[in-house]
PDB file of N, CA and C in Angstrom:
ATOM      1  N   MET A   1     339.172 -33.891  67.547  1.00  0.00           N
ATOM      2  CA  MET A   1     338.878 -34.179  68.837  1.00  0.00           C
ATOM      3  C   MET A   1     337.305 -34.558  68.904  1.00  0.00           C
ATOM      4  N   GLY A   2     336.612 -34.714  67.930  1.00  0.00           N
ATOM      5  CA  GLY A   2     335.233 -35.452  67.468  1.00  0.00           C
ATOM      6  C   GLY A   2     334.231 -34.245  67.733  1.00  0.00           C
ATOM      7  N   PHE A   3     334.488 -33.114  68.241  1.00  0.00           N
ATOM      8  CA  PHE A   3     333.232 -32.260  68.400  1.00  0.00           C
ATOM      9  C   PHE A   3     332.424 -31.824  67.056  1.00  0.00           C
ATOM     10  N   GLN A   4     330.800 -31.748  67.420  1.00  0.00           N
ATOM     11  CA  GLN A   4     330.079 -31.648  66.603  1.00  0.00           C
ATOM     12  C   GLN A   4     330.561 -30.624  65.916  1.00  0.00           C
ATOM     13  N   ARG A   5     330.009 -30.327  64.168  1.00  0.00           N
ATOM     14  CA  ARG A   5     330.153 -28.800  63.207  1.00  0.00           C
ATOM     15  C   ARG A   5     328.942 -28.323  63.170  1.00  0.00           C
ATOM     16  N   ASP A   6     327.707 -29.193  63.220  1.00  0.00           N
ATOM     17  CA  ASP A   6     326.545 -28.731  63.038  1.00  0.00           C
ATOM     18  C   ASP A   6     325.416 -28.590  64.172  1.00  0.00           C
ATOM     19  N   TYR A   7     325.082 -27.387  63.996  1.00  0.00           N
ATOM     20  CA  TYR A   7     324.930 -27.078  65.675  1.00  0.00           C
ATOM     21  C   TYR A   7     323.371 -27.533  65.724  1.00  0.00           C
ATOM     22  N   TYR A   8     322.588 -27.680  64.721  1.00  0.00           N
ATOM     23  CA  TYR A   8     321.220 -28.152  64.985  1.00  0.00           C
ATOM     24  C   TYR A   8     321.115 -29.908  65.466  1.00  0.00           C
ATOM     25  N   ALA A   9     322.086 -30.479  64.495  1.00  0.00           N
ATOM     26  CA  ALA A   9     322.482 -31.465  65.027  1.00  0.00           C
ATOM     27  C   ALA A   9     322.767 -32.191  66.354  1.00  0.00           C
ATOM     28  N   ALA A  10     323.821 -31.113  66.887  1.00  0.00           N
ATOM     29  CA  ALA A  10     324.376 -31.350  68.255  1.00  0.00           C
ATOM     30  C   ALA A  10     323.136 -30.810  69.060  1.00  0.00           C
ATOM     31  N   LEU A  11     322.369 -29.964  68.828  1.00  0.00           N
ATOM     32  CA  LEU A  11     321.266 -29.364  69.634  1.00  0.00           C
ATOM     33  C   LEU A  11     320.408 -30.533  69.753  1.00  0.00           C
ATOM     34  N   ALA A  12     319.874 -31.476  68.855  1.00  0.00           N
ATOM     35  CA  ALA A  12     318.727 -32.471  69.034  1.00  0.00           C
ATOM     36  C   ALA A  12     319.913 -33.556  69.816  1.00  0.00           C
ATOM     37  N   LYS A  13     321.210 -33.716  69.562  1.00  0.00           N
ATOM     38  CA  LYS A  13     321.705 -34.881  70.124  1.00  0.00           C
ATOM     39  C   LYS A  13     321.884 -34.553  71.649  1.00  0.00           C
ATOM     40  N   ALA A  14     322.118 -33.265  72.090  1.00  0.00           N
ATOM     41  CA  ALA A  14     321.959 -33.034  73.366  1.00  0.00           C
ATOM     42  C   ALA A  14     320.516 -33.251  74.358  1.00  0.00           C
ATOM     43  N   LYS A  15     319.498 -32.591  73.551  1.00  0.00           N
ATOM     44  CA  LYS A  15     317.981 -32.818  74.163  1.00  0.00           C
ATOM     45  C   LYS A  15     318.188 -34.655  73.948  1.00  0.00           C
ATOM     46  N   LYS A  16     318.477 -35.443  72.967  1.00  0.00           N
ATOM     47  CA  LYS A  16     318.013 -36.698  73.203  1.00  0.00           C
ATOM     48  C   LYS A  16     318.786 -37.386  74.575  1.00  0.00           C
ATOM     49  N   GLU A  17     319.908 -36.797  74.708  1.00  0.00           N
ATOM     50  CA  GLU A  17     320.965 -36.974  75.926  1.00  0.00           C
ATOM     51  C   GLU A  17     320.799 -36.549  76.891  1.00  0.00           C
ATOM     52  N   GLN A  18     320.089 -35.633  76.985  1.00  0.00           N
ATOM     53  CA  GLN A  18     319.766 -34.698  78.029  1.00  0.00           C
ATOM     54  C   GLN A  18     321.204 -34.238  78.620  1.00  0.00           C
ATOM     55  N   ARG A  19     321.764 -33.673  78.095  1.00  0.00           N
ATOM     56  CA  ARG A  19     322.990 -32.874  78.382  1.00  0.00           C
ATOM     57  C   ARG A  19     323.081 -31.500  77.863  1.00  0.00           C
ATOM     58  N   PRO A  20     323.815 -30.699  78.475  1.00  0.00           N
ATOM     59  CA  PRO A  20     323.935 -29.320  78.245  1.00  0.00           C
ATOM     60  C   PRO A  20     324.618 -29.578  76.873  1.00  0.00           C
ATOM     61  N   LEU A  21     324.199 -28.264  75.897  1.00  0.00           N
ATOM     62  CA  LEU A  21     324.565 -28.186  74.666  1.00  0.00           C
ATOM     63  C   LEU A  21     325.787 -27.064  75.243  1.00  0.00           C
ATOM     64  N   MET A  22     327.282 -27.356  74.305  1.00  0.00           N
ATOM     65  CA  MET A  22     328.561 -26.323  74.871  1.00  0.00           C
ATOM     66  C   MET A  22     328.743 -25.930  73.521  1.00  0.00           C
ATOM     67  N   LEU A  23     328.828 -24.807  73.140  1.00  0.00           N
ATOM     68  CA  LEU A  23     328.782 -24.119  71.886  1.00  0.00           C
ATOM     69  C   LEU A  23     330.178 -23.032  71.863  1.00  0.00           C
ATOM     70  N   VAL A  24     330.919 -23.547  71.428  1.00  0.00           N
ATOM     71  CA  VAL A  24     332.274 -23.322  71.203  1.00  0.00           C
ATOM     72  C   VAL A  24     332.179 -22.045  69.911  1.00  0.00           C
ATOM     73  N   VAL A  25     332.473 -21.093  69.964  1.00  0.00           N
ATOM     74  CA  VAL A  25     332.518 -19.957  68.800  1.00  0.00           C
ATOM     75  C   VAL A  25     333.709 -19.562  68.882  1.00  0.00           C
ATOM     76  N   THR A  26     334.286 -19.705  67.912  1.00  0.00           N
ATOM     77  CA  THR A  26     335.742 -19.357  67.409  1.00  0.00           C
ATOM     78  C   THR A  26     336.031 -18.731  66.104  1.00  0.00           C
ATOM     79  N   LYS A  27     337.119 -18.500  65.689  1.00  0.00           N
ATOM     80  CA  LYS A  27     337.649 -17.543  64.476  1.00  0.00           C
ATOM     81  C   LYS A  27     338.407 -18.203  63.694  1.00  0.00           C
ATOM     82  N   ALA A  28     338.279 -18.304  62.538  1.00  0.00           N
ATOM     83  CA  ALA A  28     340.021 -18.853  62.208  1.00  0.00           C
ATOM     84  C   ALA A  28     340.787 -18.038  61.863  1.00  0.00           C
ATOM     85  N   GLU A  29     342.215 -18.634  62.344  1.00  0.00           N
ATOM     86  CA  GLU A  29     343.297 -17.770  62.329  1.00  0.00           C
ATOM     87  C   GLU A  29     343.048 -16.688  63.390  1.00  0.00           C
ATOM     88  N   CYS A  30     342.763 -17.389  64.913  1.00  0.00           N
ATOM     89  CA  CYS A  30     342.479 -16.675  66.009  1.00  0.00           C
ATOM     90  C   CYS A  30     343.729 -17.901  66.902  1.00  0.00           C
ATOM     91  N   PRO A  31     344.718 -16.956  67.305  1.00  0.00           N
ATOM     92  CA  PRO A  31     345.654 -17.501  67.984  1.00  0.00           C
ATOM     93  C   PRO A  31     345.084 -18.334  69.462  1.00  0.00           C
ATOM     94  N   TRP A  32     344.334 -17.360  70.179  1.00  0.00           N
ATOM     95  CA  TRP A  32     343.874 -17.595  71.659  1.00  0.00           C
ATOM     96  C   TRP A  32     342.732 -19.267  71.108  1.00  0.00           C
ATOM     97  N   CYS A  33     342.348 -18.750  70.363  1.00  0.00           N
ATOM     98  CA  CYS A  33     341.061 -20.130  69.836  1.00  0.00           C
ATOM     99  C   CYS A  33     342.027 -21.303  69.472  1.00  0.00           C
ATOM    100  N   ASP A  34     343.220 -21.023  68.841  1.00  0.00           N
ATOM    101  CA  ASP A  34     343.732 -22.788  68.553  1.00  0.00           C
ATOM    102  C   ASP A  34     343.987 -23.151  69.547  1.00  0.00           C
ATOM    103  N   ARG A  35     344.916 -21.745  70.932  1.00  0.00           N
ATOM    104  CA  ARG A  35     345.465 -22.729  72.391  1.00  0.00           C
ATOM    105  C   ARG A  35     344.313 -23.468  72.854  1.00  0.00           C
ATOM    106  N   LEU A  36     343.164 -22.648  72.925  1.00  0.00           N
ATOM    107  CA  LEU A  36     341.914 -22.982  73.827  1.00  0.00           C
ATOM    108  C   LEU A  36     341.405 -24.733  73.299  1.00  0.00           C
ATOM    109  N   GLU A  37     341.584 -24.852  71.544  1.00  0.00           N
ATOM    110  CA  GLU A  37     341.580 -26.543  71.092  1.00  0.00           C
ATOM    111  C   GLU A  37     342.487 -27.032  71.520  1.00  0.00           C
ATOM    112  N   ASP A  38     344.062 -26.681  71.254  1.00  0.00           N
ATOM    113  CA  ASP A  38     345.288 -27.313  71.459  1.00  0.00           C
ATOM    114  C   ASP A  38     345.413 -27.903  72.719  1.00  0.00           C
ATOM    115  N   ARG A  39     345.325 -26.664  73.780  1.00  0.00           N
ATOM    116  CA  ARG A  39     345.726 -26.828  75.052  1.00  0.00           C
ATOM    117  C   ARG A  39     344.712 -27.643  76.180  1.00  0.00           C
ATOM    118  N   THR A  40     343.735 -26.811  75.643  1.00  0.00           N
ATOM    119  CA  THR A  40     342.774 -26.730  77.099  1.00  0.00           C
ATOM    120  C   THR A  40     342.053 -28.537  76.440  1.00  0.00           C
ATOM    121  N   PHE A  41     341.348 -28.366  75.250  1.00  0.00           N
ATOM    122  CA  PHE A  41     340.439 -29.198  75.461  1.00  0.00           C
ATOM    123  C   PHE A  41     341.577 -30.619  75.021  1.00  0.00           C
ATOM    124  N   THR A  42     342.670 -30.547  74.688  1.00  0.00           N
ATOM    125  CA  THR A  42     343.160 -31.625  74.683  1.00  0.00           C
ATOM    126  C   THR A  42     343.520 -32.144  75.757  1.00  0.00           C
ATOM    127  N   ASN A  43     343.587 -31.790  76.757  1.00  0.00           N
ATOM    128  CA  ASN A  43     343.976 -31.760  78.102  1.00  0.00           C
ATOM    129  C   ASN A  43     343.248 -32.867  78.650  1.00  0.00           C
ATOM    130  N   PRO A  44     343.564 -34.409  79.076  1.00  0.00           N
ATOM    131  CA  PRO A  44     342.889 -35.813  79.005  1.00  0.00           C
ATOM    132  C   PRO A  44     341.888 -35.628  80.060  1.00  0.00           C
ATOM    133  N   THR A  45     341.981 -34.939  81.083  1.00  0.00           N
ATOM    134  CA  THR A  45     341.091 -34.535  82.154  1.00  0.00           C
ATOM    135  C   THR A  45     339.686 -33.647  81.504  1.00  0.00           C
ATOM    136  N   VAL A  46     340.356 -32.881  80.955  1.00  0.00           N
ATOM    137  CA  VAL A  46     339.151 -31.908  80.275  1.00  0.00           C
ATOM    138  C   VAL A  46     338.205 -32.431  79.168  1.00  0.00           C
ATOM    139  N   HIS A  47     339.237 -33.306  78.093  1.00  0.00           N
ATOM    140  CA  HIS A  47     338.490 -34.478  76.977  1.00  0.00           C
ATOM    141  C   HIS A  47     337.573 -35.347  77.702  1.00  0.00           C
ATOM    142  N   LYS A  48     338.116 -35.910  78.797  1.00  0.00           N
ATOM    143  CA  LYS A  48     337.372 -36.881  78.899  1.00  0.00           C
ATOM    144  C   LYS A  48     335.886 -36.047  79.708  1.00  0.00           C
ATOM    145  N   ARG A  49     335.798 -35.199  80.652  1.00  0.00           N
ATOM    146  CA  ARG A  49     334.955 -34.986  80.905  1.00  0.00           C
ATOM    147  C   ARG A  49     333.591 -34.064  79.969  1.00  0.00           C
ATOM    148  N   LEU A  50     334.165 -33.406  78.838  1.00  0.00           N
ATOM    149  CA  LEU A  50     333.670 -33.027  77.934  1.00  0.00           C
ATOM    150  C   LEU A  50     332.607 -34.027  77.102  1.00  0.00           C
ATOM    151  N   ASN A  51     333.289 -35.371  76.829  1.00  0.00           N
ATOM    152  CA  ASN A  51     332.771 -36.109  76.365  1.00  0.00           C
ATOM    153  C   ASN A  51     331.676 -36.975  77.137  1.00  0.00           C
ATOM    154  N   LYS A  52     332.017 -36.887  78.602  1.00  0.00           N
ATOM    155  CA  LYS A  52     330.671 -37.325  79.473  1.00  0.00           C
ATOM    156  C   LYS A  52     329.654 -36.150  79.777  1.00  0.00           C
ATOM    157  N   GLU A  53     329.990 -35.083  79.714  1.00  0.00           N
ATOM    158  CA  GLU A  53     329.013 -34.469  80.498  1.00  0.00           C
ATOM    159  C   GLU A  53     328.286 -33.248  79.536  1.00  0.00           C
ATOM    160  N   VAL A  54     329.010 -33.113  78.210  1.00  0.00           N
ATOM    161  CA  VAL A  54     328.271 -32.240  77.923  1.00  0.00           C
ATOM    162  C   VAL A  54     328.081 -32.420  75.819  1.00  0.00           C
ATOM    163  N   VAL A  55     327.495 -31.844  75.398  1.00  0.00           N
ATOM    164  CA  VAL A  55     327.634 -32.007  74.179  1.00  0.00           C
ATOM    165  C   VAL A  55     328.203 -30.951  73.304  1.00  0.00           C
ATOM    166  N   VAL A  56     329.694 -30.816  72.373  1.00  0.00           N
ATOM    167  CA  VAL A  56     330.034 -30.031  71.942  1.00  0.00           C
ATOM    168  C   VAL A  56     329.945 -29.917  70.550  1.00  0.00           C
ATOM    169  N   VAL A  57     329.874 -28.505  70.063  1.00  0.00           N
ATOM    170  CA  VAL A  57     329.618 -28.184  68.846  1.00  0.00           C
ATOM    171  C   VAL A  57     330.461 -26.800  68.773  1.00  0.00           C
ATOM    172  N   LEU A  58     331.500 -27.122  67.851  1.00  0.00           N
ATOM    173  CA  LEU A  58     332.429 -25.888  67.145  1.00  0.00           C
ATOM    174  C   LEU A  58     331.990 -25.147  65.751  1.00  0.00           C
ATOM    175  N   VAL A  59     331.438 -23.986  66.063  1.00  0.00           N
ATOM    176  CA  VAL A  59     331.098 -23.060  64.923  1.00  0.00           C
ATOM    177  C   VAL A  59     332.638 -21.768  64.687  1.00  0.00           C
ATOM    178  N   TYR A  60     332.460 -21.672  63.658  1.00  0.00           N
ATOM    179  CA  TYR A  60     333.785 -20.540  63.036  1.00  0.00           C
ATOM    180  C   TYR A  60     332.727 -19.590  62.860  1.00  0.00           C
ATOM    181  N   LYS A  61     333.027 -18.146  63.731  1.00  0.00           N
ATOM    182  CA  LYS A  61     332.041 -16.736  63.251  1.00  0.00           C
ATOM    183  C   LYS A  61     332.396 -16.525  62.198  1.00  0.00           C
ATOM    184  N   ASN A  62     333.076 -16.430  61.207  1.00  0.00           N
ATOM    185  CA  ASN A  62     333.410 -16.253  59.985  1.00  0.00           C
ATOM    186  C   ASN A  62     333.342 -17.054  59.248  1.00  0.00           C
ATOM    187  N   PHE A  63     332.863 -18.104  59.060  1.00  0.00           N
ATOM    188  CA  PHE A  63     332.231 -19.120  58.061  1.00  0.00           C
ATOM    189  C   PHE A  63     331.019 -19.184  58.362  1.00  0.00           C
ATOM    190  N   ASP A  64     330.547 -19.843  59.411  1.00  0.00           N
ATOM    191  CA  ASP A  64     329.535 -20.383  59.876  1.00  0.00           C
ATOM    192  C   ASP A  64     328.114 -19.854  60.407  1.00  0.00           C
ATOM    193  N   GLU A  65     328.213 -18.070  60.242  1.00  0.00           N
ATOM    194  CA  GLU A  65     327.060 -17.733  60.376  1.00  0.00           C
ATOM    195  C   GLU A  65     326.181 -17.564  59.593  1.00  0.00           C
ATOM    196  N   GLY A  66     324.903 -18.005  60.043  1.00  0.00           N
ATOM    197  CA  GLY A  66     323.904 -18.512  58.800  1.00  0.00           C
ATOM    198  C   GLY A  66     323.452 -19.759  59.677  1.00  0.00           C
ATOM    199  N   ASP A  67     324.368 -20.786  59.985  1.00  0.00           N
ATOM    200  CA  ASP A  67     324.379 -22.035  60.357  1.00  0.00           C
ATOM    201  C   ASP A  67     324.306 -22.435  61.820  1.00  0.00           C
ATOM    202  N   TYR A  68     324.223 -21.309  62.689  1.00  0.00           N
ATOM    203  CA  TYR A  68     323.546 -21.424  63.829  1.00  0.00           C
ATOM    204  C   TYR A  68     323.053 -20.295  64.358  1.00  0.00           C
ATOM    205  N   PRO A  69     321.986 -20.037  65.198  1.00  0.00           N
ATOM    206  CA  PRO A  69     321.326 -18.510  65.817  1.00  0.00           C
ATOM    207  C   PRO A  69     322.516 -17.973  66.263  1.00  0.00           C
ATOM    208  N   ALA A  70     323.474 -17.041  65.510  1.00  0.00           N
ATOM    209  CA  ALA A  70     324.079 -16.308  66.481  1.00  0.00           C
ATOM    210  C   ALA A  70     323.902 -14.938  66.849  1.00  0.00           C
ATOM    211  N   ASP A  71     322.158 -14.666  66.569  1.00  0.00           N
ATOM    212  CA  ASP A  71     322.286 -13.679  67.419  1.00  0.00           C
ATOM    213  C   ASP A  71     321.826 -14.097  68.799  1.00  0.00           C
ATOM    214  N   LYS A  72     321.103 -15.024  69.317  1.00  0.00           N
ATOM    215  CA  LYS A  72     321.185 -15.628  70.230  1.00  0.00           C
ATOM    216  C   LYS A  72     322.609 -15.998  71.365  1.00  0.00           C
ATOM    217  N   PHE A  73     323.783 -16.217  70.280  1.00  0.00           N
ATOM    218  CA  PHE A  73     324.937 -16.392  71.010  1.00  0.00           C
ATOM    219  C   PHE A  73     326.169 -15.460  70.465  1.00  0.00           C
ATOM    220  N   PRO A  74     325.895 -13.774  70.977  1.00  0.00           N
ATOM    221  CA  PRO A  74     327.132 -12.971  70.485  1.00  0.00           C
ATOM    222  C   PRO A  74     328.388 -13.509  70.651  1.00  0.00           C
ATOM    223  N   ALA A  75     329.049 -13.484  69.578  1.00  0.00           N
ATOM    224  CA  ALA A  75     330.385 -13.489  70.091  1.00  0.00           C
ATOM    225  C   ALA A  75     331.201 -12.313  69.665  1.00  0.00           C
ATOM    226  N   PRO A  76     331.250 -11.193  70.466  1.00  0.00           N
ATOM    227  CA  PRO A  76     332.081  -9.380  69.650  1.00  0.00           C
ATOM    228  C   PRO A  76     333.691 -10.106  69.725  1.00  0.00           C
ATOM    229  N   PHE A  77     334.204 -11.248  70.463  1.00  0.00           N
ATOM    230  CA  PHE A  77     335.535 -11.570  70.142  1.00  0.00           C
ATOM    231  C   PHE A  77     335.787 -13.080  70.335  1.00  0.00           C
ATOM    232  N   SER A  78     336.886 -13.358  69.633  1.00  0.00           N
ATOM    233  CA  SER A  78     336.684 -15.272  70.091  1.00  0.00           C
ATOM    234  C   SER A  78     338.143 -15.619  71.208  1.00  0.00           C
ATOM    235  N   PRO A  79     337.823 -16.814  71.721  1.00  0.00           N
ATOM    236  CA  PRO A  79     336.995 -17.399  71.405  1.00  0.00           C
ATOM    237  C   PRO A  79     335.702 -17.547  72.757  1.00  0.00           C
ATOM    238  N   ARG A  80     334.511 -18.070  72.198  1.00  0.00           N
ATOM    239  CA  ARG A  80     333.308 -17.615  73.583  1.00  0.00           C
ATOM    240  C   ARG A  80     333.027 -18.762  73.425  1.00  0.00           C
ATOM    241  N   ILE A  81     332.492 -19.428  74.743  1.00  0.00           N
ATOM    242  CA  ILE A  81     332.069 -20.584  74.839  1.00  0.00           C
ATOM    243  C   ILE A  81     330.726 -20.537  75.733  1.00  0.00           C
ATOM    244  N   PHE A  82     329.557 -21.318  74.946  1.00  0.00           N
ATOM    245  CA  PHE A  82     328.167 -20.882  75.639  1.00  0.00           C
ATOM    246  C   PHE A  82     327.857 -22.228  76.161  1.00  0.00           C
ATOM    247  N   PHE A  83     327.520 -22.605  77.503  1.00  0.00           N
ATOM    248  CA  PHE A  83     326.849 -23.332  77.808  1.00  0.00           C
ATOM    249  C   PHE A  83     325.485 -23.244  77.737  1.00  0.00           C
ATOM    250  N   VAL A  84     324.526 -24.306  76.855  1.00  0.00           N
ATOM    251  CA  VAL A  84     323.332 -24.098  76.902  1.00  0.00           C
ATOM    252  C   VAL A  84     322.187 -25.450  77.084  1.00  0.00           C
ATOM    253  N   ASP A  85     321.024 -24.662  77.524  1.00  0.00           N
ATOM    254  CA  ASP A  85     320.165 -25.226  78.066  1.00  0.00           C
ATOM    255  C   ASP A  85     319.390 -25.874  76.559  1.00  0.00           C
ATOM    256  N   PRO A  86     319.518 -27.609  76.370  1.00  0.00           N
ATOM    257  CA  PRO A  86     319.007 -27.603  74.950  1.00  0.00           C
ATOM    258  C   PRO A  86     317.483 -27.434  74.457  1.00  0.00           C
ATOM    259  N   ALA A  87     316.624 -27.818  75.826  1.00  0.00           N
ATOM    260  CA  ALA A  87     315.270 -27.823  75.581  1.00  0.00           C
ATOM    261  C   ALA A  87     314.887 -26.500  75.642  1.00  0.00           C
ATOM    262  N   THR A  88     315.618 -25.303  75.881  1.00  0.00           N
ATOM    263  CA  THR A  88     315.078 -23.884  75.907  1.00  0.00           C
ATOM    264  C   THR A  88     315.910 -22.883  74.918  1.00  0.00           C
ATOM    265  N   GLN A  89     317.426 -23.507  74.903  1.00  0.00           N
ATOM    266  CA  GLN A  89     318.194 -22.633  73.962  1.00  0.00           C
ATOM    267  C   GLN A  89     318.615 -21.462  74.826  1.00  0.00           C
ATOM    268  N   LYS A  90     318.537 -21.518  76.210  1.00  0.00           N
ATOM    269  CA  LYS A  90     318.851 -20.160  77.112  1.00  0.00           C
ATOM    270  C   LYS A  90     320.155 -20.690  77.488  1.00  0.00           C
ATOM    271  N   THR A  91     321.186 -19.761  77.622  1.00  0.00           N
ATOM    272  CA  THR A  91     322.276 -19.718  78.291  1.00  0.00           C
ATOM    273  C   THR A  91     322.444 -19.801  79.705  1.00  0.00           C
ATOM    274  N   LEU A  92     323.249 -20.785  79.723  1.00  0.00           N
ATOM    275  CA  LEU A  92     323.511 -21.498  81.432  1.00  0.00           C
ATOM    276  C   LEU A  92     325.018 -20.508  81.881  1.00  0.00           C
ATOM    277  N   LEU A  93     326.024 -20.495  81.236  1.00  0.00           N
ATOM    278  CA  LEU A  93     327.045 -19.999  81.576  1.00  0.00           C
ATOM    279  C   LEU A  93     328.101 -19.697  80.285  1.00  0.00           C
ATOM    280  N   ILE A  94     328.427 -18.067  80.309  1.00  0.00           N
ATOM    281  CA  ILE A  94     329.341 -17.808  78.924  1.00  0.00           C
ATOM    282  C   ILE A  94     331.155 -18.235  79.946  1.00  0.00           C
ATOM    283  N   VAL A  95     331.828 -18.855  78.988  1.00  0.00           N
ATOM    284  CA  VAL A  95     332.957 -18.425  79.077  1.00  0.00           C
ATOM    285  C   VAL A  95     333.807 -17.632  78.099  1.00  0.00           C
ATOM    286  N   ASN A  96     334.475 -16.574  78.663  1.00  0.00           N
ATOM    287  CA  ASN A  96     335.234 -15.705  77.322  1.00  0.00           C
ATOM    288  C   ASN A  96     336.444 -15.650  76.937  1.00  0.00           C
ATOM    289  N   GLY A  97     337.142 -15.862  76.079  1.00  0.00           N
ATOM    290  CA  GLY A  97     338.503 -16.116  75.974  1.00  0.00           C
ATOM    291  C   GLY A  97     339.036 -17.291  76.227  1.00  0.00           C
ATOM    292  N   TYR A  98     340.278 -17.313  76.266  1.00  0.00           N
ATOM    293  CA  TYR A  98     341.283 -18.327  76.195  1.00  0.00           C
ATOM    294  C   TYR A  98     341.333 -18.623  77.871  1.00  0.00           C
ATOM    295  N   VAL A  99     340.676 -19.936  78.321  1.00  0.00           N
ATOM    296  CA  VAL A  99     341.248 -20.459  79.681  1.00  0.00           C
ATOM    297  C   VAL A  99     342.248 -21.723  79.640  1.00  0.00           C
ATOM    298  N   LYS A 100     343.064 -22.022  80.640  1.00  0.00           N
ATOM    299  CA  LYS A 100     343.891 -23.119  80.946  1.00  0.00           C
ATOM    300  C   LYS A 100     342.817 -23.932  81.359  1.00  0.00           C
ATOM    301  N   ALA A 101     343.438 -25.293  81.433  1.00  0.00           N
ATOM    302  CA  ALA A 101     342.798 -26.575  81.629  1.00  0.00           C
ATOM    303  C   ALA A 101     342.105 -26.646  82.868  1.00  0.00           C
ATOM    304  N   ASP A 102     342.755 -25.954  84.140  1.00  0.00           N
ATOM    305  CA  ASP A 102     342.380 -26.395  85.574  1.00  0.00           C
ATOM    306  C   ASP A 102     341.291 -25.284  85.594  1.00  0.00           C
ATOM    307  N   SER A 103     341.475 -23.911  84.842  1.00  0.00           N
ATOM    308  CA  SER A 103     340.449 -23.227  85.000  1.00  0.00           C
ATOM    309  C   SER A 103     339.021 -23.439  83.979  1.00  0.00           C
ATOM    310  N   PHE A 104     339.468 -24.114  82.889  1.00  0.00           N
ATOM    311  CA  PHE A 104     338.089 -24.737  82.618  1.00  0.00           C
ATOM    312  C   PHE A 104     337.070 -25.656  83.233  1.00  0.00           C
ATOM    313  N   LEU A 105     337.794 -26.607  84.141  1.00  0.00           N
ATOM    314  CA  LEU A 105     337.563 -27.260  84.838  1.00  0.00           C
ATOM    315  C   LEU A 105     337.145 -26.926  85.940  1.00  0.00           C
ATOM    316  N   GLN A 106     337.177 -25.893  86.439  1.00  0.00           N
ATOM    317  CA  GLN A 106     336.086 -25.111  87.452  1.00  0.00           C
ATOM    318  C   GLN A 106     334.761 -24.637  86.891  1.00  0.00           C
ATOM    319  N   GLU A 107     335.120 -23.900  85.635  1.00  0.00           N
ATOM    320  CA  GLU A 107     333.851 -23.745  84.879  1.00  0.00           C
ATOM    321  C   GLU A 107     332.825 -24.777  84.651  1.00  0.00           C
ATOM    322  N   LEU A 108     333.471 -26.035  84.341  1.00  0.00           N
ATOM    323  CA  LEU A 108     332.195 -27.294  84.231  1.00  0.00           C
ATOM    324  C   LEU A 108     331.697 -28.197  85.277  1.00  0.00           C
ATOM    325  N   ASP A 109     332.451 -27.671  86.359  1.00  0.00           N
ATOM    326  CA  ASP A 109     332.063 -27.535  88.210  1.00  0.00           C
ATOM    327  C   ASP A 109     330.996 -26.967  88.088  1.00  0.00           C
ATOM    328  N   THR A 110     330.826 -25.607  88.104  1.00  0.00           N
ATOM    329  CA  THR A 110     330.004 -24.733  88.122  1.00  0.00           C
ATOM    330  C   THR A 110     328.495 -24.766  87.249  1.00  0.00           C
ATOM    331  N   LEU A 111     328.883 -25.345  85.872  1.00  0.00           N
ATOM    332  CA  LEU A 111     328.030 -25.698  84.895  1.00  0.00           C
ATOM    333  C   LEU A 111     327.030 -27.330  85.787  1.00  0.00           C
ATOM    334  N   GLN A 112     327.686 -28.011  86.218  1.00  0.00           N
ATOM    335  CA  GLN A 112     327.196 -29.056  86.700  1.00  0.00           C
ATOM    336  C   GLN A 112     326.092 -28.668  87.859  1.00  0.00           C
ATOM    337  N   MET A 113     326.734 -27.786  88.354  1.00  0.00           N
ATOM    338  CA  MET A 113     325.902 -27.102  89.759  1.00  0.00           C
ATOM    339  C   MET A 113     324.730 -26.249  89.581  1.00  0.00           C
ATOM    340  N   LEU A 114     324.954 -25.486  88.260  1.00  0.00           N
ATOM    341  CA  LEU A 114     323.259 -25.040  87.528  1.00  0.00           C
ATOM    342  C   LEU A 114     322.501 -26.140  86.726  1.00  0.00           C
ATOM    343  N   TRP A 115     323.494 -26.892  85.831  1.00  0.00           N
ATOM    344  CA  TRP A 115     322.013 -27.979  85.516  1.00  0.00           C
ATOM    345  C   TRP A 115     321.603 -28.736  86.199  1.00  0.00           C
ATOM    346  N   ARG A 116     322.154 -29.458  87.293  1.00  0.00           N
ATOM    347  CA  ARG A 116     321.160 -29.841  88.384  1.00  0.00           C
ATOM    348  C   ARG A 116     319.688 -29.148  88.919  1.00  0.00           C
ATOM    349  N   LYS A 117     319.979 -27.962  89.011  1.00  0.00           N
ATOM    350  CA  LYS A 117     319.175 -27.385  89.749  1.00  0.00           C
ATOM    351  C   LYS A 117     317.682 -27.423  88.739  1.00  0.00           C
TER     352      LYS A 117
END
């Protein structure tokens, strides 16, 4: 999918490009996480918008803890998506669990409204 795996590199890229950071907190052997990646993120419209509108970083909470600020982005369940202002690292929007492509596109619309303010 071409997603970043290094939180801090993705954060720097998002700052430089002045785009929101999309932090996807997932877990190995999580069927809902797999569905999100395999069905939602591969949808052509979703994939195109992700590449254009945000910088995506994917972390595995059971492997990458310590490699991203997990205390700022708690994920008691997986998957959980945080849309983050890269300048402040404050959360703009959270998407919980698996969402289908149409619903995810609506979340991206909401993010765009929040980001423009």
